[in-house]
Amino acid sequence: MSKRAVLEVIALDVEDAVAAQAGGADRLELVTDMAADGLTPSAATVAGIRAAVDIPARVMLRLADGFAAGNVERLVGAACEMREAGAEEFVLGFLDPDGDVDLGAVERVACVLEGCRWTFHRAIDRAADRDALRKQLDGVPGLDTYLTAGAAEGVGVGMPTLLAEARRRGEPGYEQQLLVGGGLGLEHVPGLLDAGIDGFHIGGAARPGGWAGPVSAEAVAEWRRVLGG
């Protein structure tokens, strides 16, 4: 029997989280301020969502638009606050001005997460060298997923990269799950599933009314149906 593909849905609040779970989401990504592509939500939001649903949730650790770490001690403080609010899984990713991974910042934050599982987000799609980034991050505790569209422009452009990276699964730096998101459409799913990719991340696709509206359980259920399970 084939493994059920993971469907992760962006949730901004409790209403989103409840609808996503009702539609068949396996996991949530918790953020605020999508105008800045998703920042760290409030501790109250995280606590409320953890009380309302029982599927896993990964909390964004990102304090400003862009992919620079900024004040690392503020990030560490945010991570500690989120853990106190009940967060057990996270999303993060930092680049330096040259587009290389900011390994110092990543390792500093990962240290305070103490082995919690986390995703390196779409900063990889802006990296100067994706392969080098993966190899530099190999072995950082807790890293089990890369959220990527394969290209900064989205899945439509990044599909060849996604398929190539799927073929390398298991190599050093490529053991982590590929979670595909960023311009992802239902039309992309068959090719990705055929390549053995088993992680899918949606945000706007779960909101027929756009980002001003809530997650639709029906929209999530359609993705669950197409993905199987």
Foldseek 3Di string as FASTA:
>chain_A
DDDFFAEEEEDAAQLQLVLLVLLPHQEYEYFDDCVLPGAFHDLVRLLRNVVRDPHAYATEQHHGRDAACPPLVVSLVSLVSNVVSPHQEYEHFHADPQQAGPVVSVLVNLVSSPQRAYEHEASLQSHPDNQVNLLSCFPRHRYAEYEHLLHPQGVVVRVVSLLVLLVVDPPGSNVHAYAYDGNDDLVCPVVCVVSVHRHYYDYQQQAPPGPVDHGHSNSSNVVSVSSDD
